[in-house]
Every structure is written in C-alpha cells, then in structure tokens.
Amino acid sequence: MKTTLEIPDPIFRRAKSVAAQRGMALRAFVSEAVEEKLAAAFENEERPWIRLAGGLKHLHKETVRINEIMNGEFEQIEPEDWV
C-alpha cells in the first residue's frame, strides 16, 4: 500500500542514514520499524502484568529477607518428625 507520512526532518534524516548504513531501502527500514513497534505493543497487551512489574522493585530486598527466614525454618527438623 502506498501512503504519505509527515515525519519530522531530524527523524527522517536519521532513519535515512541508518537505512543506508544497513544497506536497506528507506521503505524497508520504516516497514521493519513499524512491525517491531506493533509486535512490542501486542506483546504488552498479551502480558499486562509486565507494565506493573517495575512498580514492585522496591520489595525485592524484603522478598529476599522473607525467603531466607522461610528457608531457615524449613531446614530445622521438629522433634516429633524424628520418629
């Protein structure tokens, strides 16, 4: 399909330059870029929890601490389990 797009000059020049460096036609470069952007958008739609994962980063140390406590408790054998 043929269409007309308005691309800001600095972006157009960069795209044309990168396409030339890769030995690609600008049309192929832009098509590939759009495909990649669409694939990324689809992937994020399929897994919406990924957007939220970064918001829990501050809990990492607490999770490690809790896991260490749990591992320590499960390593101990209770006297009634010896029988």
N, C-alpha and C. Protein backbone atom coordinates (compact mmCIF):
# COMPACT_ATOMS: atom_id res chain seq x y z
N MET A 1 0.85 -1.17 0.00
CA MET A 1 0.00 0.00 0.00
C MET A 1 0.90 1.23 0.00
N LYS A 2 0.47 2.20 -0.69
CA LYS A 2 1.24 3.43 -0.78
C LYS A 2 0.52 4.49 0.04
N THR A 3 1.31 5.24 0.84
CA THR A 3 0.73 6.28 1.68
C THR A 3 1.72 7.43 1.83
N THR A 4 1.25 8.52 2.34
CA THR A 4 2.11 9.68 2.59
C THR A 4 2.15 9.93 4.08
N LEU A 5 3.35 10.09 4.62
CA LEU A 5 3.53 10.37 6.04
C LEU A 5 4.31 11.67 6.21
N GLU A 6 3.99 12.40 7.24
CA GLU A 6 4.79 13.57 7.59
C GLU A 6 5.68 13.17 8.75
N ILE A 7 6.98 13.15 8.49
CA ILE A 7 7.97 12.77 9.51
C ILE A 7 8.84 13.99 9.76
N PRO A 8 9.05 14.33 11.03
CA PRO A 8 9.94 15.48 11.30
C PRO A 8 11.31 15.29 10.64
N ASP A 9 11.86 16.37 10.11
CA ASP A 9 13.12 16.31 9.37
C ASP A 9 14.24 15.59 10.11
N PRO A 10 14.49 15.88 11.39
CA PRO A 10 15.60 15.19 12.06
C PRO A 10 15.40 13.67 12.12
N ILE A 11 14.17 13.22 12.34
CA ILE A 11 13.89 11.78 12.39
C ILE A 11 14.05 11.17 11.00
N PHE A 12 13.57 11.89 10.00
CA PHE A 12 13.69 11.40 8.62
C PHE A 12 15.15 11.23 8.24
N ARG A 13 15.98 12.22 8.56
CA ARG A 13 17.40 12.15 8.21
C ARG A 13 18.09 10.99 8.93
N ARG A 14 17.75 10.80 10.21
CA ARG A 14 18.35 9.69 10.97
C ARG A 14 17.93 8.34 10.38
N ALA A 15 16.63 8.22 10.07
CA ALA A 15 16.12 6.96 9.50
C ALA A 15 16.79 6.67 8.17
N LYS A 16 16.91 7.68 7.32
CA LYS A 16 17.53 7.50 6.01
C LYS A 16 19.00 7.11 6.16
N SER A 17 19.67 7.73 7.11
CA SER A 17 21.08 7.44 7.36
C SER A 17 21.27 6.00 7.86
N VAL A 18 20.47 5.60 8.84
CA VAL A 18 20.59 4.25 9.39
C VAL A 18 20.24 3.21 8.33
N ALA A 19 19.20 3.48 7.55
CA ALA A 19 18.82 2.55 6.48
C ALA A 19 19.98 2.39 5.49
N ALA A 20 20.61 3.49 5.14
CA ALA A 20 21.74 3.43 4.20
C ALA A 20 22.90 2.64 4.81
N GLN A 21 23.17 2.85 6.10
CA GLN A 21 24.25 2.12 6.76
C GLN A 21 23.99 0.61 6.74
N ARG A 22 22.73 0.24 6.83
CA ARG A 22 22.36 -1.17 6.83
C ARG A 22 22.18 -1.73 5.42
N GLY A 23 22.31 -0.87 4.44
CA GLY A 23 22.13 -1.30 3.05
C GLY A 23 20.68 -1.60 2.71
N MET A 24 19.77 -0.89 3.36
CA MET A 24 18.34 -1.11 3.16
C MET A 24 17.71 0.10 2.48
N ALA A 25 16.64 -0.15 1.79
CA ALA A 25 15.83 0.96 1.29
C ALA A 25 15.10 1.58 2.47
N LEU A 26 14.86 2.87 2.41
CA LEU A 26 14.14 3.55 3.48
C LEU A 26 12.77 2.91 3.71
N ARG A 27 12.12 2.52 2.63
CA ARG A 27 10.80 1.88 2.72
C ARG A 27 10.89 0.60 3.57
N ALA A 28 11.90 -0.22 3.35
CA ALA A 28 12.07 -1.46 4.11
C ALA A 28 12.40 -1.16 5.57
N PHE A 29 13.23 -0.15 5.79
CA PHE A 29 13.60 0.23 7.15
C PHE A 29 12.38 0.70 7.94
N VAL A 30 11.57 1.54 7.34
CA VAL A 30 10.37 2.06 8.03
C VAL A 30 9.38 0.94 8.26
N SER A 31 9.21 0.06 7.28
CA SER A 31 8.28 -1.08 7.45
C SER A 31 8.73 -1.96 8.61
N GLU A 32 10.04 -2.23 8.68
CA GLU A 32 10.57 -3.05 9.77
C GLU A 32 10.37 -2.37 11.13
N ALA A 33 10.59 -1.07 11.17
CA ALA A 33 10.42 -0.33 12.43
C ALA A 33 8.96 -0.36 12.89
N VAL A 34 8.04 -0.21 11.97
CA VAL A 34 6.62 -0.25 12.32
C VAL A 34 6.23 -1.64 12.79
N GLU A 35 6.74 -2.68 12.11
CA GLU A 35 6.45 -4.06 12.53
C GLU A 35 6.95 -4.32 13.94
N GLU A 36 8.16 -3.86 14.25
CA GLU A 36 8.72 -4.05 15.58
C GLU A 36 7.88 -3.33 16.63
N LYS A 37 7.45 -2.13 16.33
CA LYS A 37 6.64 -1.35 17.27
C LYS A 37 5.30 -2.04 17.50
N LEU A 38 4.69 -2.56 16.45
CA LEU A 38 3.41 -3.26 16.59
C LEU A 38 3.58 -4.56 17.38
N ALA A 39 4.66 -5.28 17.15
CA ALA A 39 4.91 -6.53 17.88
C ALA A 39 5.08 -6.24 19.36
N ALA A 40 5.81 -5.18 19.69
CA ALA A 40 6.02 -4.82 21.10
C ALA A 40 4.70 -4.42 21.75
N ALA A 41 3.87 -3.69 21.03
CA ALA A 41 2.57 -3.29 21.58
C ALA A 41 1.70 -4.51 21.82
N PHE A 42 1.72 -5.46 20.89
CA PHE A 42 0.92 -6.68 21.04
C PHE A 42 1.41 -7.50 22.22
N GLU A 43 2.72 -7.60 22.37
CA GLU A 43 3.29 -8.37 23.48
C GLU A 43 2.88 -7.77 24.82
N ASN A 44 2.88 -6.47 24.93
CA ASN A 44 2.47 -5.82 26.17
C ASN A 44 0.98 -5.99 26.43
N GLU A 45 0.18 -6.06 25.38
CA GLU A 45 -1.25 -6.29 25.55
C GLU A 45 -1.50 -7.71 26.05
N GLU A 46 -0.70 -8.66 25.58
CA GLU A 46 -0.87 -10.05 25.97
C GLU A 46 -0.45 -10.30 27.41
N ARG A 47 0.51 -9.51 27.91
CA ARG A 47 1.02 -9.68 29.27
C ARG A 47 0.98 -8.34 30.00
N PRO A 48 -0.20 -7.89 30.42
CA PRO A 48 -0.30 -6.57 31.05
C PRO A 48 0.43 -6.46 32.38
N TRP A 49 0.72 -7.58 33.03
CA TRP A 49 1.41 -7.54 34.31
C TRP A 49 2.84 -7.04 34.16
N ILE A 50 3.40 -7.10 32.97
CA ILE A 50 4.78 -6.64 32.76
C ILE A 50 4.89 -5.16 33.05
N ARG A 51 3.86 -4.39 32.71
CA ARG A 51 3.89 -2.95 32.98
C ARG A 51 3.97 -2.68 34.48
N LEU A 52 3.40 -3.56 35.28
CA LEU A 52 3.35 -3.36 36.72
C LEU A 52 4.57 -3.91 37.44
N ALA A 53 5.32 -4.79 36.80
CA ALA A 53 6.42 -5.47 37.48
C ALA A 53 7.46 -4.49 38.02
N GLY A 54 7.76 -3.45 37.29
CA GLY A 54 8.73 -2.47 37.76
C GLY A 54 8.28 -1.73 39.00
N GLY A 55 6.99 -1.65 39.23
CA GLY A 55 6.45 -0.94 40.38
C GLY A 55 6.69 -1.68 41.69
N LEU A 56 7.08 -2.93 41.63
CA LEU A 56 7.32 -3.72 42.83
C LEU A 56 8.80 -3.90 43.14
N LYS A 57 9.63 -3.21 42.39
CA LYS A 57 11.08 -3.35 42.54
C LYS A 57 11.55 -3.08 43.97
N HIS A 58 10.92 -2.13 44.63
CA HIS A 58 11.34 -1.76 45.98
C HIS A 58 11.13 -2.89 46.99
N LEU A 59 10.37 -3.91 46.64
CA LEU A 59 10.10 -5.02 47.55
C LEU A 59 11.10 -6.16 47.39
N HIS A 60 12.04 -6.04 46.50
CA HIS A 60 12.98 -7.14 46.24
C HIS A 60 13.76 -7.53 47.50
N LYS A 61 14.32 -6.56 48.21
CA LYS A 61 15.10 -6.87 49.41
C LYS A 61 14.23 -7.54 50.48
N GLU A 62 13.01 -7.09 50.60
CA GLU A 62 12.09 -7.68 51.58
C GLU A 62 11.77 -9.12 51.19
N THR A 63 11.58 -9.38 49.91
CA THR A 63 11.31 -10.74 49.44
C THR A 63 12.50 -11.65 49.74
N VAL A 64 13.70 -11.16 49.51
CA VAL A 64 14.90 -11.96 49.81
C VAL A 64 14.96 -12.26 51.30
N ARG A 65 14.68 -11.26 52.14
CA ARG A 65 14.70 -11.45 53.59
C ARG A 65 13.69 -12.51 54.03
N ILE A 66 12.49 -12.42 53.51
CA ILE A 66 11.44 -13.39 53.86
C ILE A 66 11.83 -14.79 53.41
N ASN A 67 12.39 -14.92 52.21
CA ASN A 67 12.82 -16.23 51.70
C ASN A 67 13.91 -16.83 52.58
N GLU A 68 14.83 -16.00 53.06
CA GLU A 68 15.89 -16.51 53.95
C GLU A 68 15.29 -17.03 55.26
N ILE A 69 14.33 -16.31 55.81
CA ILE A 69 13.67 -16.76 57.05
C ILE A 69 12.96 -18.08 56.81
N MET A 70 12.23 -18.17 55.72
CA MET A 70 11.49 -19.40 55.42
C MET A 70 12.44 -20.57 55.20
N ASN A 71 13.52 -20.35 54.48
CA ASN A 71 14.49 -21.43 54.25
C ASN A 71 15.10 -21.90 55.57
N GLY A 72 15.41 -20.96 56.45
CA GLY A 72 15.96 -21.31 57.76
C GLY A 72 14.99 -22.14 58.58
N GLU A 73 13.72 -21.78 58.55
CA GLU A 73 12.70 -22.51 59.31
C GLU A 73 12.50 -23.91 58.75
N PHE A 74 12.50 -24.06 57.45
CA PHE A 74 12.25 -25.36 56.85
C PHE A 74 13.46 -26.28 56.97
N GLU A 75 14.64 -25.74 57.24
CA GLU A 75 15.81 -26.58 57.42
C GLU A 75 15.82 -27.25 58.79
N GLN A 76 15.08 -26.73 59.73
CA GLN A 76 15.04 -27.29 61.08
C GLN A 76 14.04 -28.45 61.12
N ILE A 77 14.48 -29.55 61.76
CA ILE A 77 13.60 -30.71 61.89
C ILE A 77 13.00 -30.69 63.29
N GLU A 78 11.70 -30.76 63.36
CA GLU A 78 10.98 -30.76 64.63
C GLU A 78 11.16 -32.11 65.32
N PRO A 79 11.25 -32.12 66.66
CA PRO A 79 11.45 -33.38 67.40
C PRO A 79 10.42 -34.46 67.06
N GLU A 80 9.17 -34.07 66.85
CA GLU A 80 8.13 -35.09 66.55
C GLU A 80 8.35 -35.71 65.17
N ASP A 81 9.12 -35.08 64.31
CA ASP A 81 9.38 -35.64 62.99
C ASP A 81 10.50 -36.67 62.99
N TRP A 82 11.24 -36.78 64.11
CA TRP A 82 12.34 -37.73 64.21
C TRP A 82 11.85 -39.18 64.32
N VAL A 83 10.62 -39.36 64.72
CA VAL A 83 10.11 -40.71 64.98
C VAL A 83 9.71 -41.41 63.71
